[in-house]
PDB file of N, CA and C in Angstrom:
ATOM      1  N   MET A   1      84.189  95.041  93.148  1.00  0.00           N
ATOM      2  CA  MET A   1      85.357  96.417  92.970  1.00  0.00           C
ATOM      3  C   MET A   1      83.726  97.713  92.789  1.00  0.00           C
ATOM      4  N   THR A   2      83.586  98.677  93.088  1.00  0.00           N
ATOM      5  CA  THR A   2      82.933  99.344  92.771  1.00  0.00           C
ATOM      6  C   THR A   2      83.142 100.658  91.776  1.00  0.00           C
ATOM      7  N   THR A   3      82.408 100.537  91.334  1.00  0.00           N
ATOM      8  CA  THR A   3      82.922 101.900  89.772  1.00  0.00           C
ATOM      9  C   THR A   3      82.446 103.222  90.383  1.00  0.00           C
ATOM     10  N   VAL A   4      83.504 103.839  90.111  1.00  0.00           N
ATOM     11  CA  VAL A   4      83.548 105.713  90.543  1.00  0.00           C
ATOM     12  C   VAL A   4      83.083 105.939  89.129  1.00  0.00           C
ATOM     13  N   ASN A   5      82.082 106.675  88.942  1.00  0.00           N
ATOM     14  CA  ASN A   5      81.135 107.269  88.075  1.00  0.00           C
ATOM     15  C   ASN A   5      81.642 108.862  87.902  1.00  0.00           C
ATOM     16  N   GLU A   6      82.989 108.817  87.440  1.00  0.00           N
ATOM     17  CA  GLU A   6      83.991 110.145  87.680  1.00  0.00           C
ATOM     18  C   GLU A   6      83.423 111.291  86.524  1.00  0.00           C
ATOM     19  N   HIS A   7      82.015 110.831  85.435  1.00  0.00           N
ATOM     20  CA  HIS A   7      81.737 111.429  84.479  1.00  0.00           C
ATOM     21  C   HIS A   7      80.201 112.173  85.196  1.00  0.00           C
ATOM     22  N   LEU A   8      79.928 111.901  86.305  1.00  0.00           N
ATOM     23  CA  LEU A   8      79.006 112.260  86.792  1.00  0.00           C
ATOM     24  C   LEU A   8      79.630 113.429  88.013  1.00  0.00           C
ATOM     25  N   TRP A   9      80.808 113.847  87.925  1.00  0.00           N
ATOM     26  CA  TRP A   9      81.333 114.758  88.874  1.00  0.00           C
ATOM     27  C   TRP A   9      81.159 115.997  87.882  1.00  0.00           C
ATOM     28  N   ASP A  10      80.631 117.198  88.658  1.00  0.00           N
ATOM     29  CA  ASP A  10      80.840 118.821  88.114  1.00  0.00           C
ATOM     30  C   ASP A  10      82.033 118.920  89.467  1.00  0.00           C
ATOM     31  N   PHE A  11      83.007 119.929  88.908  1.00  0.00           N
ATOM     32  CA  PHE A  11      84.465 120.517  89.087  1.00  0.00           C
ATOM     33  C   PHE A  11      83.589 122.415  89.532  1.00  0.00           C
ATOM     34  N   PRO A  12      83.935 122.674  90.618  1.00  0.00           N
ATOM     35  CA  PRO A  12      84.538 121.981  91.741  1.00  0.00           C
ATOM     36  C   PRO A  12      83.472 121.877  92.293  1.00  0.00           C
ATOM     37  N   HIS A  13      84.298 120.460  93.223  1.00  0.00           N
ATOM     38  CA  HIS A  13      83.580 119.307  93.429  1.00  0.00           C
ATOM     39  C   HIS A  13      83.578 118.932  95.109  1.00  0.00           C
ATOM     40  N   PRO A  14      82.486 119.369  96.078  1.00  0.00           N
ATOM     41  CA  PRO A  14      82.893 119.504  97.320  1.00  0.00           C
ATOM     42  C   PRO A  14      82.772 117.891  97.447  1.00  0.00           C
ATOM     43  N   MET A  15      83.741 117.247  98.817  1.00  0.00           N
ATOM     44  CA  MET A  15      83.590 116.474  99.188  1.00  0.00           C
ATOM     45  C   MET A  15      83.940 116.052 100.360  1.00  0.00           C
ATOM     46  N   THR A  16      83.473 114.778 101.284  1.00  0.00           N
ATOM     47  CA  THR A  16      84.035 114.527 102.706  1.00  0.00           C
ATOM     48  C   THR A  16      85.132 113.548 102.558  1.00  0.00           C
ATOM     49  N   LEU A  17      86.327 113.435 102.888  1.00  0.00           N
ATOM     50  CA  LEU A  17      87.145 112.136 103.038  1.00  0.00           C
ATOM     51  C   LEU A  17      87.205 111.578 103.856  1.00  0.00           C
ATOM     52  N   LYS A  18      86.811 110.539 103.907  1.00  0.00           N
ATOM     53  CA  LYS A  18      87.175 109.514 105.505  1.00  0.00           C
ATOM     54  C   LYS A  18      88.549 108.693 104.906  1.00  0.00           C
ATOM     55  N   VAL A  19      88.783 108.984 105.839  1.00  0.00           N
ATOM     56  CA  VAL A  19      90.567 108.304 105.878  1.00  0.00           C
ATOM     57  C   VAL A  19      90.846 107.726 107.077  1.00  0.00           C
ATOM     58  N   MET A  20      90.277 106.139 107.439  1.00  0.00           N
ATOM     59  CA  MET A  20      90.769 104.984 108.940  1.00  0.00           C
ATOM     60  C   MET A  20      92.403 104.872 108.868  1.00  0.00           C
ATOM     61  N   GLY A  21      93.022 104.802 110.223  1.00  0.00           N
ATOM     62  CA  GLY A  21      94.080 104.520 110.634  1.00  0.00           C
ATOM     63  C   GLY A  21      94.001 104.057 111.790  1.00  0.00           C
ATOM     64  N   ALA A  22      95.064 103.535 112.306  1.00  0.00           N
ATOM     65  CA  ALA A  22      95.333 103.058 113.748  1.00  0.00           C
ATOM     66  C   ALA A  22      95.198 104.304 114.930  1.00  0.00           C
ATOM     67  N   LYS A  23      94.432 104.000 116.073  1.00  0.00           N
ATOM     68  CA  LYS A  23      94.325 105.430 116.865  1.00  0.00           C
ATOM     69  C   LYS A  23      95.763 105.794 117.107  1.00  0.00           C
ATOM     70  N   ASP A  24      96.705 104.693 117.426  1.00  0.00           N
ATOM     71  CA  ASP A  24      98.112 105.390 118.137  1.00  0.00           C
ATOM     72  C   ASP A  24      99.189 105.800 116.567  1.00  0.00           C
ATOM     73  N   SER A  25      98.822 106.021 115.702  1.00  0.00           N
ATOM     74  CA  SER A  25      99.434 106.009 114.317  1.00  0.00           C
ATOM     75  C   SER A  25      99.079 107.593 113.773  1.00  0.00           C
ATOM     76  N   PRO A  26     100.563 108.630 113.320  1.00  0.00           N
ATOM     77  CA  PRO A  26     100.346 109.182 112.735  1.00  0.00           C
ATOM     78  C   PRO A  26      99.055 110.230 111.132  1.00  0.00           C
ATOM     79  N   VAL A  27      98.105 108.896 111.744  1.00  0.00           N
ATOM     80  CA  VAL A  27      97.474 108.993 110.064  1.00  0.00           C
ATOM     81  C   VAL A  27      96.806 110.789 110.189  1.00  0.00           C
ATOM     82  N   GLN A  28      96.318 111.073 110.880  1.00  0.00           N
ATOM     83  CA  GLN A  28      95.904 112.620 110.970  1.00  0.00           C
ATOM     84  C   GLN A  28      97.183 113.404 110.285  1.00  0.00           C
ATOM     85  N   ASP A  29      98.495 113.513 110.823  1.00  0.00           N
ATOM     86  CA  ASP A  29      99.241 113.836 110.243  1.00  0.00           C
ATOM     87  C   ASP A  29      99.535 114.329 108.495  1.00  0.00           C
ATOM     88  N   VAL A  30      99.322 112.484 108.489  1.00  0.00           N
ATOM     89  CA  VAL A  30      99.326 111.971 106.894  1.00  0.00           C
ATOM     90  C   VAL A  30      98.378 112.855 106.332  1.00  0.00           C
ATOM     91  N   VAL A  31      97.313 112.371 106.610  1.00  0.00           N
ATOM     92  CA  VAL A  31      96.321 113.245 106.223  1.00  0.00           C
ATOM     93  C   VAL A  31      96.383 114.896 105.509  1.00  0.00           C
ATOM     94  N   VAL A  32      96.907 115.438 106.845  1.00  0.00           N
ATOM     95  CA  VAL A  32      96.827 116.988 106.473  1.00  0.00           C
ATOM     96  C   VAL A  32      97.854 117.095 105.496  1.00  0.00           C
ATOM     97  N   ALA A  33      99.009 116.564 105.373  1.00  0.00           N
ATOM     98  CA  ALA A  33     100.168 116.751 104.649  1.00  0.00           C
ATOM     99  C   ALA A  33      99.923 116.579 103.354  1.00  0.00           C
ATOM    100  N   VAL A  34      99.060 115.563 103.244  1.00  0.00           N
ATOM    101  CA  VAL A  34      98.202 115.186 101.644  1.00  0.00           C
ATOM    102  C   VAL A  34      97.902 115.836 101.162  1.00  0.00           C
ATOM    103  N   LEU A  35      96.921 116.012 101.879  1.00  0.00           N
ATOM    104  CA  LEU A  35      96.038 117.614 101.484  1.00  0.00           C
ATOM    105  C   LEU A  35      96.417 118.754 101.059  1.00  0.00           C
ATOM    106  N   THR A  36      97.400 119.276 101.892  1.00  0.00           N
ATOM    107  CA  THR A  36      98.127 120.600 102.365  1.00  0.00           C
ATOM    108  C   THR A  36      99.076 120.395 100.871  1.00  0.00           C
ATOM    109  N   GLU A  37      99.651 118.964 100.421  1.00  0.00           N
ATOM    110  CA  GLU A  37     100.488 119.570  99.305  1.00  0.00           C
ATOM    111  C   GLU A  37      99.444 118.882  98.289  1.00  0.00           C
ATOM    112  N   HIS A  38      97.956 119.366  98.163  1.00  0.00           N
ATOM    113  CA  HIS A  38      97.781 118.593  96.665  1.00  0.00           C
ATOM    114  C   HIS A  38      96.284 119.607  96.803  1.00  0.00           C
ATOM    115  N   LEU A  39      96.205 120.249  97.733  1.00  0.00           N
ATOM    116  CA  LEU A  39      94.677 121.665  97.636  1.00  0.00           C
ATOM    117  C   LEU A  39      95.284 122.768  98.712  1.00  0.00           C
ATOM    118  N   PRO A  40      96.226 123.725  97.381  1.00  0.00           N
ATOM    119  CA  PRO A  40      96.905 124.984  98.066  1.00  0.00           C
ATOM    120  C   PRO A  40      95.853 126.284  98.732  1.00  0.00           C
ATOM    121  N   SER A  41      94.587 125.876  98.344  1.00  0.00           N
ATOM    122  CA  SER A  41      93.778 126.332  99.912  1.00  0.00           C
ATOM    123  C   SER A  41      93.266 125.370 101.327  1.00  0.00           C
ATOM    124  N   PHE A  42      93.787 124.587 101.169  1.00  0.00           N
ATOM    125  CA  PHE A  42      93.462 123.623 102.361  1.00  0.00           C
ATOM    126  C   PHE A  42      93.464 124.164 103.527  1.00  0.00           C
ATOM    127  N   ASP A  43      92.939 124.289 104.981  1.00  0.00           N
ATOM    128  CA  ASP A  43      93.717 124.577 105.992  1.00  0.00           C
ATOM    129  C   ASP A  43      92.780 123.575 106.850  1.00  0.00           C
ATOM    130  N   PRO A  44      93.500 122.863 107.664  1.00  0.00           N
ATOM    131  CA  PRO A  44      93.005 122.176 108.096  1.00  0.00           C
ATOM    132  C   PRO A  44      92.138 122.150 109.910  1.00  0.00           C
ATOM    133  N   THR A  45      92.691 123.868 109.682  1.00  0.00           N
ATOM    134  CA  THR A  45      91.866 123.963 110.930  1.00  0.00           C
ATOM    135  C   THR A  45      90.253 123.941 111.684  1.00  0.00           C
ATOM    136  N   ASP A  46      89.560 124.253 110.549  1.00  0.00           N
ATOM    137  CA  ASP A  46      88.157 124.185 110.489  1.00  0.00           C
ATOM    138  C   ASP A  46      87.354 123.329 109.227  1.00  0.00           C
ATOM    139  N   THR A  47      88.564 122.240 108.899  1.00  0.00           N
ATOM    140  CA  THR A  47      87.995 121.352 107.844  1.00  0.00           C
ATOM    141  C   THR A  47      88.014 119.493 108.369  1.00  0.00           C
ATOM    142  N   ILE A  48      88.684 119.580 109.494  1.00  0.00           N
ATOM    143  CA  ILE A  48      89.080 118.150 110.358  1.00  0.00           C
ATOM    144  C   ILE A  48      88.164 117.886 111.167  1.00  0.00           C
ATOM    145  N   THR A  49      87.675 116.719 111.200  1.00  0.00           N
ATOM    146  CA  THR A  49      87.005 115.975 112.529  1.00  0.00           C
ATOM    147  C   THR A  49      87.883 114.661 112.448  1.00  0.00           C
ATOM    148  N   LEU A  50      87.367 114.463 113.983  1.00  0.00           N
ATOM    149  CA  LEU A  50      88.380 112.992 114.780  1.00  0.00           C
ATOM    150  C   LEU A  50      87.102 111.873 115.292  1.00  0.00           C
ATOM    151  N   THR A  51      87.033 110.883 114.770  1.00  0.00           N
ATOM    152  CA  THR A  51      85.906 110.183 115.739  1.00  0.00           C
ATOM    153  C   THR A  51      86.667 108.769 115.952  1.00  0.00           C
ATOM    154  N   PRO A  52      86.855 108.475 116.812  1.00  0.00           N
ATOM    155  CA  PRO A  52      87.318 106.721 117.382  1.00  0.00           C
ATOM    156  C   PRO A  52      86.391 106.084 116.879  1.00  0.00           C
ATOM    157  N   SER A  53      87.029 104.772 116.370  1.00  0.00           N
ATOM    158  CA  SER A  53      85.981 103.576 116.442  1.00  0.00           C
ATOM    159  C   SER A  53      85.475 102.755 117.996  1.00  0.00           C
ATOM    160  N   SER A  54      84.148 102.177 117.255  1.00  0.00           N
ATOM    161  CA  SER A  54      83.267 101.966 118.676  1.00  0.00           C
ATOM    162  C   SER A  54      84.536 101.143 120.095  1.00  0.00           C
ATOM    163  N   LYS A  55      85.558 100.557 119.534  1.00  0.00           N
ATOM    164  CA  LYS A  55      86.366  99.588 120.239  1.00  0.00           C
ATOM    165  C   LYS A  55      87.726 100.687 120.624  1.00  0.00           C
ATOM    166  N   GLY A  56      87.932 101.902 120.064  1.00  0.00           N
ATOM    167  CA  GLY A  56      88.661 102.752 120.295  1.00  0.00           C
ATOM    168  C   GLY A  56      90.212 102.393 119.765  1.00  0.00           C
ATOM    169  N   THR A  57      90.539 101.302 118.957  1.00  0.00           N
ATOM    170  CA  THR A  57      91.447 100.649 117.914  1.00  0.00           C
ATOM    171  C   THR A  57      92.068 101.894 117.159  1.00  0.00           C
ATOM    172  N   TYR A  58      90.509 102.440 116.360  1.00  0.00           N
ATOM    173  CA  TYR A  58      91.003 103.265 114.604  1.00  0.00           C
ATOM    174  C   TYR A  58      90.371 104.050 114.911  1.00  0.00           C
ATOM    175  N   VAL A  59      90.689 105.408 114.266  1.00  0.00           N
ATOM    176  CA  VAL A  59      90.112 106.543 114.129  1.00  0.00           C
ATOM    177  C   VAL A  59      89.850 106.793 112.901  1.00  0.00           C
ATOM    178  N   SER A  60      88.646 107.461 112.516  1.00  0.00           N
ATOM    179  CA  SER A  60      88.372 108.457 111.359  1.00  0.00           C
ATOM    180  C   SER A  60      88.526 109.693 111.224  1.00  0.00           C
ATOM    181  N   VAL A  61      89.628 110.152 110.048  1.00  0.00           N
ATOM    182  CA  VAL A  61      90.123 111.252 110.253  1.00  0.00           C
ATOM    183  C   VAL A  61      88.782 111.962 108.905  1.00  0.00           C
ATOM    184  N   ASN A  62      87.676 112.578 109.083  1.00  0.00           N
ATOM    185  CA  ASN A  62      87.230 113.285 107.899  1.00  0.00           C
ATOM    186  C   ASN A  62      87.054 114.844 107.509  1.00  0.00           C
ATOM    187  N   ALA A  63      87.876 114.548 106.412  1.00  0.00           N
ATOM    188  CA  ALA A  63      87.951 116.439 105.696  1.00  0.00           C
ATOM    189  C   ALA A  63      87.060 116.574 105.166  1.00  0.00           C
ATOM    190  N   ARG A  64      86.586 117.556 105.172  1.00  0.00           N
ATOM    191  CA  ARG A  64      85.739 118.639 104.154  1.00  0.00           C
ATOM    192  C   ARG A  64      86.694 119.332 102.475  1.00  0.00           C
ATOM    193  N   VAL A  65      86.393 119.015 101.910  1.00  0.00           N
ATOM    194  CA  VAL A  65      87.748 119.604 100.830  1.00  0.00           C
ATOM    195  C   VAL A  65      86.566 120.120  99.544  1.00  0.00           C
ATOM    196  N   VAL A  66      86.928 120.931  98.644  1.00  0.00           N
ATOM    197  CA  VAL A  66      86.749 120.914  97.587  1.00  0.00           C
ATOM    198  C   VAL A  66      88.035 120.548  96.281  1.00  0.00           C
ATOM    199  N   MET A  67      87.206 119.310  95.783  1.00  0.00           N
ATOM    200  CA  MET A  67      88.436 119.447  94.593  1.00  0.00           C
ATOM    201  C   MET A  67      88.282 119.833  93.181  1.00  0.00           C
ATOM    202  N   ASP A  68      89.068 120.150  92.903  1.00  0.00           N
ATOM    203  CA  ASP A  68      89.188 121.323  91.664  1.00  0.00           C
ATOM    204  C   ASP A  68      89.310 120.336  89.815  1.00  0.00           C
ATOM    205  N   SER A  69      89.635 119.025  89.756  1.00  0.00           N
ATOM    206  CA  SER A  69      89.677 118.358  89.222  1.00  0.00           C
ATOM    207  C   SER A  69      89.870 116.757  89.227  1.00  0.00           C
ATOM    208  N   ALA A  70      89.087 116.013  88.532  1.00  0.00           N
ATOM    209  CA  ALA A  70      89.408 114.284  88.804  1.00  0.00           C
ATOM    210  C   ALA A  70      90.624 114.032  88.839  1.00  0.00           C
ATOM    211  N   ASP A  71      91.573 114.411  88.231  1.00  0.00           N
ATOM    212  CA  ASP A  71      93.150 114.391  87.933  1.00  0.00           C
ATOM    213  C   ASP A  71      93.140 114.455  89.673  1.00  0.00           C
ATOM    214  N   GLN A  72      93.226 115.557  90.681  1.00  0.00           N
ATOM    215  CA  GLN A  72      93.294 115.711  91.576  1.00  0.00           C
ATOM    216  C   GLN A  72      93.130 115.149  92.440  1.00  0.00           C
ATOM    217  N   VAL A  73      91.780 114.509  92.791  1.00  0.00           N
ATOM    218  CA  VAL A  73      91.015 113.517  93.104  1.00  0.00           C
ATOM    219  C   VAL A  73      91.672 112.083  93.471  1.00  0.00           C
ATOM    220  N   ARG A  74      92.322 111.830  91.720  1.00  0.00           N
ATOM    221  CA  ARG A  74      93.200 110.711  91.905  1.00  0.00           C
ATOM    222  C   ARG A  74      94.003 110.466  92.577  1.00  0.00           C
ATOM    223  N   ALA A  75      95.001 111.797  92.493  1.00  0.00           N
ATOM    224  CA  ALA A  75      96.290 111.677  92.839  1.00  0.00           C
ATOM    225  C   ALA A  75      96.258 112.040  95.120  1.00  0.00           C
ATOM    226  N   ILE A  76      95.296 112.524  94.922  1.00  0.00           N
ATOM    227  CA  ILE A  76      95.187 112.614  96.924  1.00  0.00           C
ATOM    228  C   ILE A  76      94.244 111.057  96.771  1.00  0.00           C
ATOM    229  N   TYR A  77      93.600 110.508  96.071  1.00  0.00           N
ATOM    230  CA  TYR A  77      93.199 108.977  96.724  1.00  0.00           C
ATOM    231  C   TYR A  77      94.874 108.133  96.737  1.00  0.00           C
ATOM    232  N   ALA A  78      95.607 108.307  95.683  1.00  0.00           N
ATOM    233  CA  ALA A  78      96.745 107.607  95.585  1.00  0.00           C
ATOM    234  C   ALA A  78      97.152 107.901  96.082  1.00  0.00           C
ATOM    235  N   ALA A  79      97.808 108.848  96.958  1.00  0.00           N
ATOM    236  CA  ALA A  79      98.988 109.488  97.918  1.00  0.00           C
ATOM    237  C   ALA A  79      98.748 108.875  99.070  1.00  0.00           C
ATOM    238  N   LEU A  80      97.260 108.761  99.754  1.00  0.00           N
ATOM    239  CA  LEU A  80      96.653 108.545 100.432  1.00  0.00           C
ATOM    240  C   LEU A  80      96.731 106.602 100.779  1.00  0.00           C
ATOM    241  N   ASN A  81      96.364 106.537  99.802  1.00  0.00           N
ATOM    242  CA  ASN A  81      96.708 104.998  99.775  1.00  0.00           C
ATOM    243  C   ASN A  81      97.901 104.787 100.038  1.00  0.00           C
ATOM    244  N   ASP A  82      99.080 105.068  99.879  1.00  0.00           N
ATOM    245  CA  ASP A  82     100.194 104.798  99.942  1.00  0.00           C
ATOM    246  C   ASP A  82     101.388 104.967 101.019  1.00  0.00           C
ATOM    247  N   SER A  83      99.932 105.684 102.017  1.00  0.00           N
ATOM    248  CA  SER A  83     100.883 105.880 103.239  1.00  0.00           C
ATOM    249  C   SER A  83     100.485 104.285 104.117  1.00  0.00           C
ATOM    250  N   PRO A  84     101.075 104.099 104.394  1.00  0.00           N
ATOM    251  CA  PRO A  84     101.616 102.461 105.417  1.00  0.00           C
ATOM    252  C   PRO A  84     100.261 103.028 106.785  1.00  0.00           C
ATOM    253  N   HIS A  85     100.752 104.356 107.043  1.00  0.00           N
ATOM    254  CA  HIS A  85      99.586 104.436 108.437  1.00  0.00           C
ATOM    255  C   HIS A  85      98.391 104.079 107.644  1.00  0.00           C
ATOM    256  N   VAL A  86      97.410 104.736 106.806  1.00  0.00           N
ATOM    257  CA  VAL A  86      96.335 104.356 106.374  1.00  0.00           C
ATOM    258  C   VAL A  86      95.424 103.397 106.095  1.00  0.00           C
ATOM    259  N   LYS A  87      94.848 102.736 106.803  1.00  0.00           N
ATOM    260  CA  LYS A  87      94.062 101.541 106.246  1.00  0.00           C
ATOM    261  C   LYS A  87      93.060 101.411 105.303  1.00  0.00           C
ATOM    262  N   VAL A  88      91.984 102.849 104.967  1.00  0.00           N
ATOM    263  CA  VAL A  88      91.297 102.740 104.213  1.00  0.00           C
ATOM    264  C   VAL A  88      90.854 104.028 103.866  1.00  0.00           C
ATOM    265  N   VAL A  89      90.662 104.147 102.709  1.00  0.00           N
ATOM    266  CA  VAL A  89      89.948 105.631 102.186  1.00  0.00           C
ATOM    267  C   VAL A  89      88.859 105.743 101.299  1.00  0.00           C
ATOM    268  N   PHE A  90      87.673 106.132 101.974  1.00  0.00           N
ATOM    269  CA  PHE A  90      86.009 106.383 101.641  1.00  0.00           C
ATOM    270  C   PHE A  90      85.859 107.923 101.152  1.00  0.00           C
TER     271      PHE A  90
END
C-alpha cells in the first residue's frame, strides 16, 4: 500500500487527477459530476482531456484541478472510488 504524504501538501494544491474507466462507460460524466460538486470553480471545458488505452478498452479522464484542502482531496477520491464506472483513480 502506498503512503500519501499529506503533510507535504501546500494548499491551494494544483494536481492532475487521472481516472480510468471502461471506454463505453459514462466515466467522464462521473468525473465532471464529482468535481463540479466538490470544486465550485471547476470548469470542465478547459481542464479535461481523454486518452484511450492502447487496446481501446479503457479511457483515462485527466482533469487539471486546484484543491483547497486535504479534506477536499479525500472527499473527491472517495466519491470517484465509490462509482461503479471508475476502475482506478491516480
